[in-house]
Amino acid sequence: MNTPSEIDISGLRCYDKIVDDVTYSVPRGITREARGRVWIVRVLKNKQVQVSARFTDLRFGGTRRALDAAIIHLIHSGHAWLRDDVLQLSDSATAHWRKRSGVGLCAVAYVANKGPGRGETFFLSTYKRVASGRGMDKFRAKLVEVLESAYEMHHQGVTTPYSIQKKIRQDIDQLLESQALRAFLAAGKRKADQIAVTEYIERLSHKVGH
């Protein structure tokens, strides 16, 4: 049985979690601790805890209500993961934004491994280059490279056939004109703005401290 939330979580990145034979759609950043019958909100960014809170079934009158309270807390923290933060490239490949030391905000792609173990991560572009429009040709080439690598990873290293290469390029061209890409770039702008504000506040704090 699936129980929907009364809170709109359509814009959040979620996963399904079964508790007592009931399937809940749970936003990323919230986990379930079975022993304590508690939902845990924990967000770690740049190796620092941004949000940490616990919502027990007992206190909130049930699993659903406790989860709803956790979702509200996560949303209002401003640290919820949004669907637009991730660009789906294929069944096994996604792109997302990541801050890299010395480089700033970057788009990186991740190709999941079919077997055990981690997949592969690919650098795509800095946010500044994509946002300026100057780096779109290189961005396109990188996306093509990612999908060709994904094909080869999932076909035991077989070189990508020409017909597949052609389809990949067509798919990428469609993606570059899509609303999904525009939403992904908008998500990048939000993250770039957040980083700029955080760095500005840190500089101010440093000046005050001296």
C-alpha atoms as a PDB file:
ATOM      1  CA  MET A   1       0.000   0.000   0.000  1.00  0.00           C
ATOM      2  CA  ASN A   2       1.220   3.480  -0.849  1.00  0.00           C
ATOM      3  CA  THR A   3       0.329   6.420   1.355  1.00  0.00           C
ATOM      4  CA  PRO A   4       0.626   9.906  -0.179  1.00  0.00           C
ATOM      5  CA  SER A   5       1.807  12.935   1.736  1.00  0.00           C
ATOM      6  CA  GLU A   6      -0.530  15.883   2.212  1.00  0.00           C
ATOM      7  CA  ILE A   7       2.495  18.112   1.598  1.00  0.00           C
ATOM      8  CA  ASP A   8       3.504  18.868  -1.983  1.00  0.00           C
ATOM      9  CA  ILE A   9       6.780  17.036  -2.514  1.00  0.00           C
ATOM     10  CA  SER A  10       6.532  16.857  -6.311  1.00  0.00           C
ATOM     11  CA  GLY A  11       9.525  19.168  -6.692  1.00  0.00           C
ATOM     12  CA  LEU A  12      11.763  17.167  -4.352  1.00  0.00           C
ATOM     13  CA  ARG A  13      14.061  14.253  -5.064  1.00  0.00           C
ATOM     14  CA  CYS A  14      12.468  11.258  -3.346  1.00  0.00           C
ATOM     15  CA  TYR A  15      12.860   7.529  -2.860  1.00  0.00           C
ATOM     16  CA  ASP A  16      10.398   4.846  -1.754  1.00  0.00           C
ATOM     17  CA  LYS A  17      10.662   3.466   1.772  1.00  0.00           C
ATOM     18  CA  ILE A  18       8.521   0.614   3.088  1.00  0.00           C
ATOM     19  CA  VAL A  19       7.565   0.808   6.765  1.00  0.00           C
ATOM     20  CA  ASP A  20       5.148  -1.779   8.205  1.00  0.00           C
ATOM     21  CA  ASP A  21       4.096  -2.859   4.685  1.00  0.00           C
ATOM     22  CA  VAL A  22       3.269   0.722   3.710  1.00  0.00           C
ATOM     23  CA  THR A  23       5.277   2.513   1.004  1.00  0.00           C
ATOM     24  CA  TYR A  24       6.191   6.125   1.706  1.00  0.00           C
ATOM     25  CA  SER A  25       7.702   8.593  -0.749  1.00  0.00           C
ATOM     26  CA  VAL A  26      10.564  10.068   1.253  1.00  0.00           C
ATOM     27  CA  PRO A  27      12.598  13.128   0.226  1.00  0.00           C
ATOM     28  CA  ARG A  28      16.342  12.714   0.082  1.00  0.00           C
ATOM     29  CA  GLY A  29      17.839  13.960   3.332  1.00  0.00           C
ATOM     30  CA  ILE A  30      15.354  11.990   5.434  1.00  0.00           C
ATOM     31  CA  THR A  31      16.110   8.451   6.574  1.00  0.00           C
ATOM     32  CA  ARG A  32      14.258   5.912   8.704  1.00  0.00           C
ATOM     33  CA  GLU A  33      15.598   4.343  11.876  1.00  0.00           C
ATOM     34  CA  ALA A  34      13.524   1.222  12.438  1.00  0.00           C
ATOM     35  CA  ARG A  35      14.615   0.518  16.001  1.00  0.00           C
ATOM     36  CA  GLY A  36      13.567   3.921  17.309  1.00  0.00           C
ATOM     37  CA  ARG A  37      10.604   4.248  14.935  1.00  0.00           C
ATOM     38  CA  VAL A  38      11.905   7.647  13.957  1.00  0.00           C
ATOM     39  CA  TRP A  39      12.488   9.704  10.810  1.00  0.00           C
ATOM     40  CA  ILE A  40      15.864  11.442  10.835  1.00  0.00           C
ATOM     41  CA  VAL A  41      16.489  14.650   8.919  1.00  0.00           C
ATOM     42  CA  ARG A  42      20.187  15.058   8.281  1.00  0.00           C
ATOM     43  CA  VAL A  43      21.828  17.165   5.595  1.00  0.00           C
ATOM     44  CA  LEU A  44      25.579  17.221   5.211  1.00  0.00           C
ATOM     45  CA  LYS A  45      27.076  19.694   2.734  1.00  0.00           C
ATOM     46  CA  ASN A  46      30.738  20.532   2.301  1.00  0.00           C
ATOM     47  CA  LYS A  47      31.439  18.116   5.183  1.00  0.00           C
ATOM     48  CA  GLN A  48      29.367  20.225   7.565  1.00  0.00           C
ATOM     49  CA  VAL A  49      26.032  19.314   9.135  1.00  0.00           C
ATOM     50  CA  GLN A  50      23.439  21.801   7.900  1.00  0.00           C
ATOM     51  CA  VAL A  51      20.317  20.159   9.319  1.00  0.00           C
ATOM     52  CA  SER A  52      19.893  17.519  12.013  1.00  0.00           C
ATOM     53  CA  ALA A  53      16.576  16.600  13.644  1.00  0.00           C
ATOM     54  CA  ARG A  54      14.566  13.545  14.742  1.00  0.00           C
ATOM     55  CA  PHE A  55      10.814  12.973  14.374  1.00  0.00           C
ATOM     56  CA  THR A  56       9.439   9.980  16.273  1.00  0.00           C
ATOM     57  CA  ASP A  57       6.174   8.229  15.452  1.00  0.00           C
ATOM     58  CA  LEU A  58       5.240   8.373  19.129  1.00  0.00           C
ATOM     59  CA  ARG A  59       5.583  12.123  19.437  1.00  0.00           C
ATOM     60  CA  PHE A  60       3.751  12.972  16.211  1.00  0.00           C
ATOM     61  CA  GLY A  61       1.007  10.363  16.410  1.00  0.00           C
ATOM     62  CA  GLY A  62       2.048   7.927  13.721  1.00  0.00           C
ATOM     63  CA  THR A  63       4.529   7.210  10.957  1.00  0.00           C
ATOM     64  CA  ARG A  64       2.818   9.385   8.338  1.00  0.00           C
ATOM     65  CA  ARG A  65       2.501  12.412  10.617  1.00  0.00           C
ATOM     66  CA  ALA A  66       6.085  12.083  11.791  1.00  0.00           C
ATOM     67  CA  LEU A  67       7.270  11.945   8.185  1.00  0.00           C
ATOM     68  CA  ASP A  68       5.188  14.995   7.264  1.00  0.00           C
ATOM     69  CA  ALA A  69       6.765  16.904  10.152  1.00  0.00           C
ATOM     70  CA  ALA A  70      10.211  15.840   8.955  1.00  0.00           C
ATOM     71  CA  ILE A  71       9.402  16.955   5.397  1.00  0.00           C
ATOM     72  CA  ILE A  72       8.199  20.367   6.587  1.00  0.00           C
ATOM     73  CA  HIS A  73      11.378  20.768   8.629  1.00  0.00           C
ATOM     74  CA  LEU A  74      13.550  19.828   5.644  1.00  0.00           C
ATOM     75  CA  ILE A  75      11.734  22.166   3.245  1.00  0.00           C
ATOM     76  CA  HIS A  76      11.876  25.124   5.620  1.00  0.00           C
ATOM     77  CA  SER A  77      15.576  24.535   6.252  1.00  0.00           C
ATOM     78  CA  GLY A  78      16.249  25.503   2.647  1.00  0.00           C
ATOM     79  CA  HIS A  79      18.442  22.436   2.174  1.00  0.00           C
ATOM     80  CA  ALA A  80      16.019  20.065   0.448  1.00  0.00           C
ATOM     81  CA  TRP A  81      17.240  18.385  -2.725  1.00  0.00           C
ATOM     82  CA  LEU A  82      15.141  19.463  -5.698  1.00  0.00           C
ATOM     83  CA  ARG A  83      14.356  17.354  -8.765  1.00  0.00           C
ATOM     84  CA  ASP A  84      15.676  20.165 -10.950  1.00  0.00           C
ATOM     85  CA  ASP A  85      19.084  19.804  -9.294  1.00  0.00           C
ATOM     86  CA  VAL A  86      19.562  16.614 -11.309  1.00  0.00           C
ATOM     87  CA  LEU A  87      19.468  16.260 -15.087  1.00  0.00           C
ATOM     88  CA  GLN A  88      18.578  12.770 -16.272  1.00  0.00           C
ATOM     89  CA  LEU A  89      20.806  11.895 -19.231  1.00  0.00           C
ATOM     90  CA  SER A  90      19.790   8.247 -19.597  1.00  0.00           C
ATOM     91  CA  ASP A  91      18.599   5.308 -17.511  1.00  0.00           C
ATOM     92  CA  SER A  92      22.040   5.028 -15.936  1.00  0.00           C
ATOM     93  CA  ALA A  93      23.504   8.533 -16.267  1.00  0.00           C
ATOM     94  CA  THR A  94      22.672  11.771 -14.488  1.00  0.00           C
ATOM     95  CA  ALA A  95      24.226  15.217 -14.225  1.00  0.00           C
ATOM     96  CA  HIS A  96      24.272  17.350 -11.100  1.00  0.00           C
ATOM     97  CA  TRP A  97      25.943  20.428  -9.657  1.00  0.00           C
ATOM     98  CA  ARG A  98      28.915  20.177  -7.335  1.00  0.00           C
ATOM     99  CA  LYS A  99      31.168  22.775  -5.765  1.00  0.00           C
ATOM    100  CA  ARG A 100      34.835  22.012  -6.341  1.00  0.00           C
ATOM    101  CA  SER A 101      37.630  23.626  -4.393  1.00  0.00           C
ATOM    102  CA  GLY A 102      39.514  26.161  -6.475  1.00  0.00           C
ATOM    103  CA  VAL A 103      37.130  25.796  -9.405  1.00  0.00           C
ATOM    104  CA  GLY A 104      33.743  26.790  -8.047  1.00  0.00           C
ATOM    105  CA  LEU A 105      30.399  25.345  -9.061  1.00  0.00           C
ATOM    106  CA  CYS A 106      30.646  22.630 -11.709  1.00  0.00           C
ATOM    107  CA  ALA A 107      28.346  20.315 -13.595  1.00  0.00           C
ATOM    108  CA  VAL A 108      29.416  16.698 -13.238  1.00  0.00           C
ATOM    109  CA  ALA A 109      27.887  13.505 -14.578  1.00  0.00           C
ATOM    110  CA  TYR A 110      27.610  10.167 -12.852  1.00  0.00           C
ATOM    111  CA  VAL A 111      27.189   6.854 -14.650  1.00  0.00           C
ATOM    112  CA  ALA A 112      25.922   4.079 -12.407  1.00  0.00           C
ATOM    113  CA  ASN A 113      27.578   0.694 -12.563  1.00  0.00           C
ATOM    114  CA  LYS A 114      25.333  -2.239 -13.441  1.00  0.00           C
ATOM    115  CA  GLY A 115      27.318  -4.549 -11.206  1.00  0.00           C
ATOM    116  CA  PRO A 116      28.664  -4.063  -7.690  1.00  0.00           C
ATOM    117  CA  GLY A 117      30.729  -1.020  -6.821  1.00  0.00           C
ATOM    118  CA  ARG A 118      30.576   2.635  -7.674  1.00  0.00           C
ATOM    119  CA  GLY A 119      30.118   3.967 -11.157  1.00  0.00           C
ATOM    120  CA  GLU A 120      32.147   6.697 -12.843  1.00  0.00           C
ATOM    121  CA  THR A 121      32.049  10.467 -12.440  1.00  0.00           C
ATOM    122  CA  PHE A 122      32.765  12.821 -15.345  1.00  0.00           C
ATOM    123  CA  PHE A 123      33.510  16.545 -15.265  1.00  0.00           C
ATOM    124  CA  LEU A 124      31.237  18.433 -17.677  1.00  0.00           C
ATOM    125  CA  SER A 125      31.784  22.158 -17.251  1.00  0.00           C
ATOM    126  CA  THR A 126      32.003  25.007 -14.803  1.00  0.00           C
ATOM    127  CA  TYR A 127      28.723  26.792 -14.170  1.00  0.00           C
ATOM    128  CA  LYS A 128      30.184  30.094 -15.363  1.00  0.00           C
ATOM    129  CA  ARG A 129      31.055  28.738 -18.807  1.00  0.00           C
ATOM    130  CA  VAL A 130      27.671  27.110 -19.333  1.00  0.00           C
ATOM    131  CA  ALA A 131      25.764  30.120 -18.009  1.00  0.00           C
ATOM    132  CA  SER A 132      27.684  32.477 -20.296  1.00  0.00           C
ATOM    133  CA  GLY A 133      26.807  30.370 -23.337  1.00  0.00           C
ATOM    134  CA  ARG A 134      30.458  30.204 -24.381  1.00  0.00           C
ATOM    135  CA  GLY A 135      30.945  26.657 -23.207  1.00  0.00           C
ATOM    136  CA  MET A 136      27.880  24.992 -24.729  1.00  0.00           C
ATOM    137  CA  ASP A 137      29.723  23.259 -27.592  1.00  0.00           C
ATOM    138  CA  LYS A 138      32.178  21.698 -25.170  1.00  0.00           C
ATOM    139  CA  PHE A 139      29.323  20.896 -22.772  1.00  0.00           C
ATOM    140  CA  ARG A 140      27.513  19.070 -25.583  1.00  0.00           C
ATOM    141  CA  ALA A 141      30.663  17.124 -26.466  1.00  0.00           C
ATOM    142  CA  LYS A 142      31.108  16.116 -22.832  1.00  0.00           C
ATOM    143  CA  LEU A 143      27.498  14.917 -22.586  1.00  0.00           C
ATOM    144  CA  VAL A 144      28.001  12.803 -25.708  1.00  0.00           C
ATOM    145  CA  GLU A 145      31.192  11.384 -24.199  1.00  0.00           C
ATOM    146  CA  VAL A 146      29.328  10.470 -21.002  1.00  0.00           C
ATOM    147  CA  LEU A 147      26.574   8.588 -22.831  1.00  0.00           C
ATOM    148  CA  GLU A 148      29.052   6.768 -25.059  1.00  0.00           C
ATOM    149  CA  SER A 149      31.017   5.788 -21.952  1.00  0.00           C
ATOM    150  CA  ALA A 150      27.789   4.623 -20.312  1.00  0.00           C
ATOM    151  CA  TYR A 151      27.035   2.422 -23.322  1.00  0.00           C
ATOM    152  CA  GLU A 152      30.517   0.908 -23.262  1.00  0.00           C
ATOM    153  CA  MET A 153      30.407   0.354 -19.483  1.00  0.00           C
ATOM    154  CA  HIS A 154      27.170  -1.574 -19.826  1.00  0.00           C
ATOM    155  CA  HIS A 155      28.315  -3.597 -22.843  1.00  0.00           C
ATOM    156  CA  GLN A 156      31.595  -4.929 -21.454  1.00  0.00           C
ATOM    157  CA  GLY A 157      33.772  -2.337 -23.169  1.00  0.00           C
ATOM    158  CA  VAL A 158      32.334  -2.795 -26.664  1.00  0.00           C
ATOM    159  CA  THR A 159      32.989   0.297 -28.785  1.00  0.00           C
ATOM    160  CA  THR A 160      29.824   2.330 -29.298  1.00  0.00           C
ATOM    161  CA  PRO A 161      28.389   1.478 -32.756  1.00  0.00           C
ATOM    162  CA  TYR A 162      27.864   4.319 -35.218  1.00  0.00           C
ATOM    163  CA  SER A 163      24.072   3.948 -35.064  1.00  0.00           C
ATOM    164  CA  ILE A 164      24.167   4.365 -31.276  1.00  0.00           C
ATOM    165  CA  GLN A 165      26.575   7.306 -31.565  1.00  0.00           C
ATOM    166  CA  LYS A 166      24.155   8.984 -33.954  1.00  0.00           C
ATOM    167  CA  LYS A 167      21.187   8.399 -31.633  1.00  0.00           C
ATOM    168  CA  ILE A 168      23.156   9.707 -28.647  1.00  0.00           C
ATOM    169  CA  ARG A 169      23.898  12.942 -30.497  1.00  0.00           C
ATOM    170  CA  GLN A 170      20.250  13.323 -31.461  1.00  0.00           C
ATOM    171  CA  ASP A 171      19.161  12.714 -27.867  1.00  0.00           C
ATOM    172  CA  ILE A 172      21.662  15.254 -26.547  1.00  0.00           C
ATOM    173  CA  ASP A 173      20.558  17.866 -29.087  1.00  0.00           C
ATOM    174  CA  GLN A 174      16.957  17.383 -27.940  1.00  0.00           C
ATOM    175  CA  LEU A 175      18.050  17.602 -24.313  1.00  0.00           C
ATOM    176  CA  LEU A 176      19.870  20.887 -24.916  1.00  0.00           C
ATOM    177  CA  GLU A 177      16.614  22.404 -26.190  1.00  0.00           C
ATOM    178  CA  SER A 178      14.477  20.967 -23.392  1.00  0.00           C
ATOM    179  CA  GLN A 179      12.755  22.481 -20.393  1.00  0.00           C
ATOM    180  CA  ALA A 180      14.667  19.960 -18.276  1.00  0.00           C
ATOM    181  CA  LEU A 181      17.969  21.611 -19.194  1.00  0.00           C
ATOM    182  CA  ARG A 182      16.573  25.092 -18.537  1.00  0.00           C
ATOM    183  CA  ALA A 183      15.427  23.937 -15.101  1.00  0.00           C
ATOM    184  CA  PHE A 184      18.853  22.381 -14.475  1.00  0.00           C
ATOM    185  CA  LEU A 185      20.598  25.647 -15.382  1.00  0.00           C
ATOM    186  CA  ALA A 186      18.186  27.562 -13.144  1.00  0.00           C
ATOM    187  CA  ALA A 187      19.088  25.180 -10.325  1.00  0.00           C
ATOM    188  CA  GLY A 188      22.745  25.916 -11.034  1.00  0.00           C
ATOM    189  CA  LYS A 189      22.070  29.639 -10.753  1.00  0.00           C
ATOM    190  CA  ARG A 190      20.368  29.116  -7.389  1.00  0.00           C
ATOM    191  CA  LYS A 191      23.359  27.166  -6.142  1.00  0.00           C
ATOM    192  CA  ALA A 192      25.833  29.718  -7.514  1.00  0.00           C
ATOM    193  CA  ASP A 193      23.900  32.499  -5.762  1.00  0.00           C
ATOM    194  CA  GLN A 194      23.864  30.526  -2.501  1.00  0.00           C
ATOM    195  CA  ILE A 195      27.619  29.986  -2.725  1.00  0.00           C
ATOM    196  CA  ALA A 196      28.214  33.685  -3.422  1.00  0.00           C
ATOM    197  CA  VAL A 197      26.110  34.724  -0.417  1.00  0.00           C
ATOM    198  CA  THR A 198      27.818  32.203   1.858  1.00  0.00           C
ATOM    199  CA  GLU A 199      31.274  33.342   0.769  1.00  0.00           C
ATOM    200  CA  TYR A 200      30.300  36.999   1.222  1.00  0.00           C
ATOM    201  CA  ILE A 201      29.078  36.345   4.767  1.00  0.00           C
ATOM    202  CA  GLU A 202      32.263  34.417   5.549  1.00  0.00           C
ATOM    203  CA  ARG A 203      34.388  37.334   4.313  1.00  0.00           C
ATOM    204  CA  LEU A 204      32.383  39.774   6.432  1.00  0.00           C
ATOM    205  CA  SER A 205      32.737  37.543   9.478  1.00  0.00           C
ATOM    206  CA  HIS A 206      36.472  37.312   8.866  1.00  0.00           C
ATOM    207  CA  LYS A 207      36.775  41.108   8.689  1.00  0.00           C
ATOM    208  CA  VAL A 208      34.740  41.565  11.872  1.00  0.00           C
ATOM    209  CA  GLY A 209      36.889  38.972  13.614  1.00  0.00           C
ATOM    210  CA  HIS A 210      39.957  41.022  12.812  1.00  0.00           C
END
